[in-house]
C-alpha atoms as a PDB file:
ATOM      1  CA  MET A   1     -50.219  22.955 -38.371  1.00  0.00           C
ATOM      2  CA  ALA A   2     -52.102  24.913 -41.020  1.00  0.00           C
ATOM      3  CA  GLU A   3     -48.921  25.335 -43.053  1.00  0.00           C
ATOM      4  CA  LYS A   4     -48.812  21.539 -43.391  1.00  0.00           C
ATOM      5  CA  LEU A   5     -52.336  21.558 -44.853  1.00  0.00           C
ATOM      6  CA  THR A   6     -52.013  24.169 -47.574  1.00  0.00           C
ATOM      7  CA  GLU A   7     -53.086  21.723 -50.289  1.00  0.00           C
ATOM      8  CA  TYR A   8     -56.608  21.879 -48.833  1.00  0.00           C
ATOM      9  CA  ILE A   9     -56.921  25.666 -49.072  1.00  0.00           C
ATOM     10  CA  GLY A  10     -60.187  26.815 -50.577  1.00  0.00           C
ATOM     11  CA  ARG A  11     -61.476  23.313 -51.336  1.00  0.00           C
ATOM     12  CA  ARG A  12     -65.248  23.125 -51.138  1.00  0.00           C
ATOM     13  CA  ASP A  13     -65.219  19.469 -50.095  1.00  0.00           C
ATOM     14  CA  VAL A  14     -63.129  19.954 -46.930  1.00  0.00           C
ATOM     15  CA  VAL A  15     -64.608  19.977 -43.431  1.00  0.00           C
ATOM     16  CA  VAL A  16     -62.553  20.461 -40.259  1.00  0.00           C
ATOM     17  CA  LEU A  17     -63.881  18.413 -37.335  1.00  0.00           C
ATOM     18  CA  SER A  18     -62.628  18.799 -33.790  1.00  0.00           C
ATOM     19  CA  LEU A  19     -62.804  16.601 -30.714  1.00  0.00           C
ATOM     20  CA  PRO A  20     -63.992  18.843 -27.846  1.00  0.00           C
ATOM     21  CA  ILE A  21     -62.755  20.411 -25.789  1.00  0.00           C
ATOM     22  CA  GLY A  22     -59.124  20.871 -26.733  1.00  0.00           C
ATOM     23  CA  GLY A  23     -59.546  20.160 -30.416  1.00  0.00           C
ATOM     24  CA  VAL A  24     -61.809  23.119 -31.075  1.00  0.00           C
ATOM     25  CA  PRO A  25     -59.198  25.912 -30.660  1.00  0.00           C
ATOM     26  CA  VAL A  26     -56.778  23.929 -32.842  1.00  0.00           C
ATOM     27  CA  GLY A  27     -59.467  23.202 -35.427  1.00  0.00           C
ATOM     28  CA  SER A  28     -60.607  26.812 -35.408  1.00  0.00           C
ATOM     29  CA  GLU A  29     -57.152  28.049 -36.385  1.00  0.00           C
ATOM     30  CA  ILE A  30     -56.787  25.438 -39.120  1.00  0.00           C
ATOM     31  CA  ALA A  31     -60.284  26.064 -40.517  1.00  0.00           C
ATOM     32  CA  HIS A  32     -59.706  29.830 -40.550  1.00  0.00           C
ATOM     33  CA  ALA A  33     -56.336  29.458 -42.244  1.00  0.00           C
ATOM     34  CA  ILE A  34     -57.491  27.178 -45.077  1.00  0.00           C
ATOM     35  CA  GLY A  35     -60.976  28.638 -45.493  1.00  0.00           C
ATOM     36  CA  ALA A  36     -62.944  25.588 -44.343  1.00  0.00           C
ATOM     37  CA  SER A  37     -65.948  25.128 -42.079  1.00  0.00           C
ATOM     38  CA  LEU A  38     -65.565  23.773 -38.545  1.00  0.00           C
ATOM     39  CA  GLU A  39     -67.759  21.698 -36.297  1.00  0.00           C
ATOM     40  CA  PRO A  40     -67.279  19.383 -33.321  1.00  0.00           C
ATOM     41  CA  LEU A  41     -67.208  15.619 -33.679  1.00  0.00           C
ATOM     42  CA  LEU A  42     -68.755  14.246 -30.508  1.00  0.00           C
ATOM     43  CA  VAL A  43     -67.974  10.593 -29.847  1.00  0.00           C
ATOM     44  CA  ARG A  44     -69.567   8.794 -26.894  1.00  0.00           C
ATOM     45  CA  ARG A  45     -68.348   5.404 -25.727  1.00  0.00           C
ATOM     46  CA  LEU A  46     -70.911   2.638 -25.208  1.00  0.00           C
ATOM     47  CA  PRO A  47     -70.026   0.927 -21.930  1.00  0.00           C
ATOM     48  CA  VAL A  48     -70.803  -2.742 -21.356  1.00  0.00           C
ATOM     49  CA  PRO A  49     -73.843  -3.113 -19.062  1.00  0.00           C
ATOM     50  CA  GLY A  50     -72.557  -3.837 -15.567  1.00  0.00           C
ATOM     51  CA  ASN A  51     -68.959  -3.017 -16.480  1.00  0.00           C
ATOM     52  CA  GLU A  52     -68.539   0.703 -17.160  1.00  0.00           C
ATOM     53  CA  GLU A  53     -64.796   0.329 -17.750  1.00  0.00           C
ATOM     54  CA  LEU A  54     -65.245  -1.856 -20.845  1.00  0.00           C
ATOM     55  CA  GLU A  55     -66.473  -0.515 -24.196  1.00  0.00           C
ATOM     56  CA  MET A  56     -68.701  -2.334 -26.653  1.00  0.00           C
ATOM     57  CA  GLY A  57     -68.761   0.478 -29.211  1.00  0.00           C
ATOM     58  CA  ALA A  58     -69.364   4.168 -29.738  1.00  0.00           C
ATOM     59  CA  ILE A  59     -71.917   6.618 -31.130  1.00  0.00           C
ATOM     60  CA  SER A  60     -71.356  10.038 -32.621  1.00  0.00           C
ATOM     61  CA  THR A  61     -72.924  13.144 -34.021  1.00  0.00           C
ATOM     62  CA  GLY A  62     -74.314  12.525 -37.469  1.00  0.00           C
ATOM     63  CA  GLY A  63     -76.026   9.337 -36.332  1.00  0.00           C
ATOM     64  CA  ALA A  64     -73.119   6.888 -36.607  1.00  0.00           C
ATOM     65  CA  THR A  65     -73.034   3.804 -34.379  1.00  0.00           C
ATOM     66  CA  VAL A  66     -69.943   1.589 -34.183  1.00  0.00           C
ATOM     67  CA  LEU A  67     -70.310  -1.730 -32.354  1.00  0.00           C
ATOM     68  CA  ASP A  68     -67.658  -4.247 -31.300  1.00  0.00           C
ATOM     69  CA  ALA A  69     -69.308  -7.487 -32.409  1.00  0.00           C
ATOM     70  CA  GLU A  70     -66.656  -9.642 -30.719  1.00  0.00           C
ATOM     71  CA  VAL A  71     -67.186  -8.074 -27.295  1.00  0.00           C
ATOM     72  CA  ILE A  72     -70.974  -8.214 -27.626  1.00  0.00           C
ATOM     73  CA  SER A  73     -70.894 -11.869 -28.703  1.00  0.00           C
ATOM     74  CA  TYR A  74     -68.324 -12.979 -26.119  1.00  0.00           C
ATOM     75  CA  LEU A  75     -70.217 -11.328 -23.240  1.00  0.00           C
ATOM     76  CA  LYS A  76     -73.602 -12.422 -24.636  1.00  0.00           C
ATOM     77  CA  ILE A  77     -75.033  -8.903 -24.502  1.00  0.00           C
ATOM     78  CA  SER A  78     -78.587  -8.939 -25.812  1.00  0.00           C
ATOM     79  CA  PRO A  79     -79.761  -6.609 -28.606  1.00  0.00           C
ATOM     80  CA  ALA A  80     -82.203  -5.052 -26.146  1.00  0.00           C
ATOM     81  CA  ALA A  81     -79.381  -4.260 -23.708  1.00  0.00           C
ATOM     82  CA  VAL A  82     -77.291  -2.743 -26.517  1.00  0.00           C
ATOM     83  CA  ASP A  83     -80.232  -0.601 -27.626  1.00  0.00           C
ATOM     84  CA  MET A  84     -80.807   0.579 -24.054  1.00  0.00           C
ATOM     85  CA  VAL A  85     -77.204   1.747 -23.689  1.00  0.00           C
ATOM     86  CA  ILE A  86     -77.308   3.467 -27.100  1.00  0.00           C
ATOM     87  CA  ALA A  87     -80.520   5.312 -26.164  1.00  0.00           C
ATOM     88  CA  ARG A  88     -79.045   6.457 -22.843  1.00  0.00           C
ATOM     89  CA  GLU A  89     -75.785   7.702 -24.343  1.00  0.00           C
ATOM     90  CA  LYS A  90     -77.625   9.353 -27.238  1.00  0.00           C
ATOM     91  CA  VAL A  91     -79.448  11.622 -24.774  1.00  0.00           C
ATOM     92  CA  ASP A  92     -76.133  12.864 -23.364  1.00  0.00           C
ATOM     93  CA  LEU A  93     -74.700  13.232 -26.870  1.00  0.00           C
ATOM     94  CA  GLU A  94     -77.611  15.395 -27.991  1.00  0.00           C
ATOM     95  CA  LYS A  95     -77.332  17.548 -24.858  1.00  0.00           C
ATOM     96  CA  ARG A  96     -73.642  18.199 -25.533  1.00  0.00           C
ATOM     97  CA  TRP A  97     -74.324  19.026 -29.177  1.00  0.00           C
ATOM     98  CA  ALA A  98     -77.079  21.472 -28.203  1.00  0.00           C
ATOM     99  CA  ALA A  99     -74.782  23.096 -25.638  1.00  0.00           C
ATOM    100  CA  TYR A 100     -72.075  23.689 -28.256  1.00  0.00           C
ATOM    101  CA  CYS A 101     -74.042  24.213 -31.464  1.00  0.00           C
ATOM    102  CA  GLY A 102     -77.622  25.045 -30.529  1.00  0.00           C
ATOM    103  CA  PRO A 103     -80.244  23.967 -33.073  1.00  0.00           C
ATOM    104  CA  ARG A 104     -77.940  23.576 -36.067  1.00  0.00           C
ATOM    105  CA  ARG A 105     -77.540  20.075 -37.476  1.00  0.00           C
ATOM    106  CA  ALA A 106     -74.314  18.203 -38.114  1.00  0.00           C
ATOM    107  CA  GLN A 107     -72.923  18.557 -41.615  1.00  0.00           C
ATOM    108  CA  GLU A 108     -73.328  15.807 -44.169  1.00  0.00           C
ATOM    109  CA  LEU A 109     -69.897  14.188 -44.573  1.00  0.00           C
ATOM    110  CA  SER A 110     -70.630  11.938 -47.530  1.00  0.00           C
ATOM    111  CA  GLU A 111     -67.856  12.284 -50.144  1.00  0.00           C
ATOM    112  CA  LYS A 112     -66.141  14.993 -48.045  1.00  0.00           C
ATOM    113  CA  THR A 113     -62.522  15.271 -46.975  1.00  0.00           C
ATOM    114  CA  ALA A 114     -62.562  15.270 -43.171  1.00  0.00           C
ATOM    115  CA  ILE A 115     -59.682  16.827 -41.229  1.00  0.00           C
ATOM    116  CA  LEU A 116     -59.995  15.595 -37.640  1.00  0.00           C
ATOM    117  CA  THR A 117     -58.190  17.730 -35.052  1.00  0.00           C
ATOM    118  CA  ASP A 118     -57.356  17.728 -31.368  1.00  0.00           C
ATOM    119  CA  ASP A 119     -54.789  19.383 -29.112  1.00  0.00           C
ATOM    120  CA  GLY A 120     -53.027  16.012 -28.938  1.00  0.00           C
ATOM    121  CA  PHE A 121     -53.898  12.430 -29.863  1.00  0.00           C
ATOM    122  CA  ALA A 122     -53.036  10.026 -27.046  1.00  0.00           C
ATOM    123  CA  SER A 123     -55.935   7.558 -26.877  1.00  0.00           C
ATOM    124  CA  VAL A 124     -55.880   4.861 -29.537  1.00  0.00           C
ATOM    125  CA  TRP A 125     -59.406   3.726 -28.668  1.00  0.00           C
ATOM    126  CA  LEU A 126     -60.995   7.169 -28.993  1.00  0.00           C
ATOM    127  CA  LEU A 127     -59.218   8.036 -32.230  1.00  0.00           C
ATOM    128  CA  HIS A 128     -59.873   4.624 -33.768  1.00  0.00           C
ATOM    129  CA  SER A 129     -63.563   4.987 -32.902  1.00  0.00           C
ATOM    130  CA  ALA A 130     -63.639   8.478 -34.417  1.00  0.00           C
ATOM    131  CA  VAL A 131     -62.076   7.173 -37.634  1.00  0.00           C
ATOM    132  CA  GLN A 132     -64.635   4.351 -37.814  1.00  0.00           C
ATOM    133  CA  VAL A 133     -67.384   6.916 -37.307  1.00  0.00           C
ATOM    134  CA  LEU A 134     -66.099   9.108 -40.135  1.00  0.00           C
ATOM    135  CA  ARG A 135     -65.910   6.125 -42.464  1.00  0.00           C
ATOM    136  CA  GLN A 136     -69.479   5.171 -41.571  1.00  0.00           C
ATOM    137  CA  LEU A 137     -70.621   8.739 -42.227  1.00  0.00           C
ATOM    138  CA  GLY A 138     -69.208   8.462 -45.743  1.00  0.00           C
ATOM    139  CA  ALA A 139     -66.065  10.615 -45.578  1.00  0.00           C
ATOM    140  CA  ARG A 140     -64.074  10.040 -48.762  1.00  0.00           C
ATOM    141  CA  GLN A 141     -60.729  11.016 -47.251  1.00  0.00           C
ATOM    142  CA  ILE A 142     -59.690  11.247 -43.584  1.00  0.00           C
ATOM    143  CA  ILE A 143     -56.774  13.310 -42.311  1.00  0.00           C
ATOM    144  CA  ILE A 144     -55.924  13.382 -38.604  1.00  0.00           C
ATOM    145  CA  ALA A 145     -54.071  16.481 -37.473  1.00  0.00           C
ATOM    146  CA  ALA A 146     -52.748  17.424 -34.045  1.00  0.00           C
ATOM    147  CA  PRO A 147     -49.683  19.233 -32.707  1.00  0.00           C
ATOM    148  CA  MET A 148     -48.678  16.062 -30.822  1.00  0.00           C
ATOM    149  CA  MET A 149     -49.410  12.356 -31.178  1.00  0.00           C
ATOM    150  CA  SER A 150     -48.343   9.414 -29.080  1.00  0.00           C
ATOM    151  CA  ARG A 151     -46.234   6.792 -30.821  1.00  0.00           C
ATOM    152  CA  MET A 152     -49.039   4.276 -30.129  1.00  0.00           C
ATOM    153  CA  VAL A 153     -51.473   6.420 -32.123  1.00  0.00           C
ATOM    154  CA  VAL A 154     -49.007   6.807 -34.982  1.00  0.00           C
ATOM    155  CA  ASP A 155     -48.431   3.049 -35.135  1.00  0.00           C
ATOM    156  CA  ALA A 156     -52.034   1.916 -34.614  1.00  0.00           C
ATOM    157  CA  VAL A 157     -54.200   4.577 -36.263  1.00  0.00           C
ATOM    158  CA  CYS A 158     -52.167   6.409 -38.899  1.00  0.00           C
ATOM    159  CA  PRO A 159     -52.117   3.333 -41.197  1.00  0.00           C
ATOM    160  CA  LEU A 160     -55.945   3.397 -41.145  1.00  0.00           C
ATOM    161  CA  VAL A 161     -56.333   6.951 -42.464  1.00  0.00           C
ATOM    162  CA  ASP A 162     -55.272   8.780 -45.595  1.00  0.00           C
ATOM    163  CA  ARG A 163     -52.830  11.130 -43.888  1.00  0.00           C
ATOM    164  CA  CYS A 164     -51.427  11.985 -40.436  1.00  0.00           C
ATOM    165  CA  VAL A 165     -50.202  15.509 -39.747  1.00  0.00           C
ATOM    166  CA  THR A 166     -48.333  16.332 -36.550  1.00  0.00           C
ATOM    167  CA  LEU A 167     -45.484  18.454 -35.256  1.00  0.00           C
ATOM    168  CA  ASP A 168     -44.110  15.927 -32.771  1.00  0.00           C
ATOM    169  CA  THR A 169     -44.499  12.352 -31.537  1.00  0.00           C
ATOM    170  CA  GLN A 170     -43.562  10.845 -28.205  1.00  0.00           C
ATOM    171  CA  THR A 171     -43.195   7.271 -26.977  1.00  0.00           C
ATOM    172  CA  GLN A 172     -44.374   8.426 -23.560  1.00  0.00           C
ATOM    173  CA  PHE A 173     -47.205  10.841 -24.208  1.00  0.00           C
ATOM    174  CA  GLY A 174     -47.632  11.932 -20.600  1.00  0.00           C
ATOM    175  CA  ASP A 175     -49.841  14.823 -19.546  1.00  0.00           C
ATOM    176  CA  LYS A 176     -50.940  17.062 -22.422  1.00  0.00           C
ATOM    177  CA  ALA A 177     -50.310  20.127 -20.308  1.00  0.00           C
ATOM    178  CA  SER A 178     -46.587  19.349 -20.243  1.00  0.00           C
ATOM    179  CA  TRP A 179     -46.446  19.796 -24.032  1.00  0.00           C
ATOM    180  CA  TYR A 180     -47.570  23.420 -23.931  1.00  0.00           C
ATOM    181  CA  GLU A 181     -46.138  26.594 -22.473  1.00  0.00           C
ATOM    182  CA  ASP A 182     -49.685  27.760 -21.713  1.00  0.00           C
ATOM    183  CA  PHE A 183     -52.264  24.970 -21.419  1.00  0.00           C
ATOM    184  CA  ILE A 184     -55.692  26.177 -20.315  1.00  0.00           C
ATOM    185  CA  GLN A 185     -58.758  24.211 -21.309  1.00  0.00           C
ATOM    186  CA  PRO A 186     -61.313  26.579 -22.886  1.00  0.00           C
ATOM    187  CA  ALA A 187     -64.665  27.093 -21.184  1.00  0.00           C
ATOM    188  CA  ASP A 188     -67.861  25.959 -22.878  1.00  0.00           C
ATOM    189  CA  SER A 189     -68.662  29.593 -23.667  1.00  0.00           C
ATOM    190  CA  GLU A 190     -65.374  29.890 -25.598  1.00  0.00           C
ATOM    191  CA  ILE A 191     -66.128  26.687 -27.486  1.00  0.00           C
ATOM    192  CA  ARG A 192     -69.552  28.006 -28.473  1.00  0.00           C
ATOM    193  CA  GLU A 193     -68.018  31.292 -29.632  1.00  0.00           C
ATOM    194  CA  LEU A 194     -65.369  29.569 -31.766  1.00  0.00           C
ATOM    195  CA  LEU A 195     -67.951  27.282 -33.356  1.00  0.00           C
ATOM    196  CA  ALA A 196     -70.356  30.163 -33.954  1.00  0.00           C
ATOM    197  CA  ARG A 197     -67.622  31.901 -35.956  1.00  0.00           C
ATOM    198  CA  SER A 198     -66.967  28.788 -37.997  1.00  0.00           C
ATOM    199  CA  VAL A 199     -68.773  29.883 -41.146  1.00  0.00           C
ATOM    200  CA  LYS A 200     -66.500  29.175 -44.092  1.00  0.00           C
ATOM    201  CA  SER A 201     -64.291  32.168 -44.848  1.00  0.00           C
ATOM    202  CA  GLU A 202     -61.524  33.146 -47.234  1.00  0.00           C
ATOM    203  CA  PRO A 203     -58.219  31.307 -46.673  1.00  0.00           C
ATOM    204  CA  GLN A 204     -55.686  33.171 -44.565  1.00  0.00           C
ATOM    205  CA  ILE A 205     -52.476  31.469 -45.754  1.00  0.00           C
END
């Protein structure tokens, strides 16, 4: 993956962001190889009140809030109800950030090149929300990078970003574990350790 991103080596404006949990080990290797910093991008869905299976938006680290105006209008969800859901999900978001990163604050992404990583992009909704979040946070350029992507992601999300980098695509994405010889989700302690070592270093390729 890193060999496909050599043009970003040593650039001061590049930040590698990873979707926990699986994206952090992938992002850590890429960040180390190109000499960039790494941090998690936490994205929390905003469920419709009374219907937890339906989303009306998302919030993320960095203070971004993305709302689906059509869903909110069609279901006549009041501003107060939206604010209540945002406040509830924000508490969980802040807890997860503290668990992974402690007291450090999310990086400013304005005018940065954001390389968003995961161990595989299968969900169009999650990735589309993450891209909207990065745009709202002011990222100048967005690259999504993962060893595998579903064909749905390639068709629906890749046209919305500046570049897609992957090693393989599949029409039927299936279980992520089936794409790896050794697929073990890292523990929270491993995630914290990888992120703690994420201070920008010299490129390794």
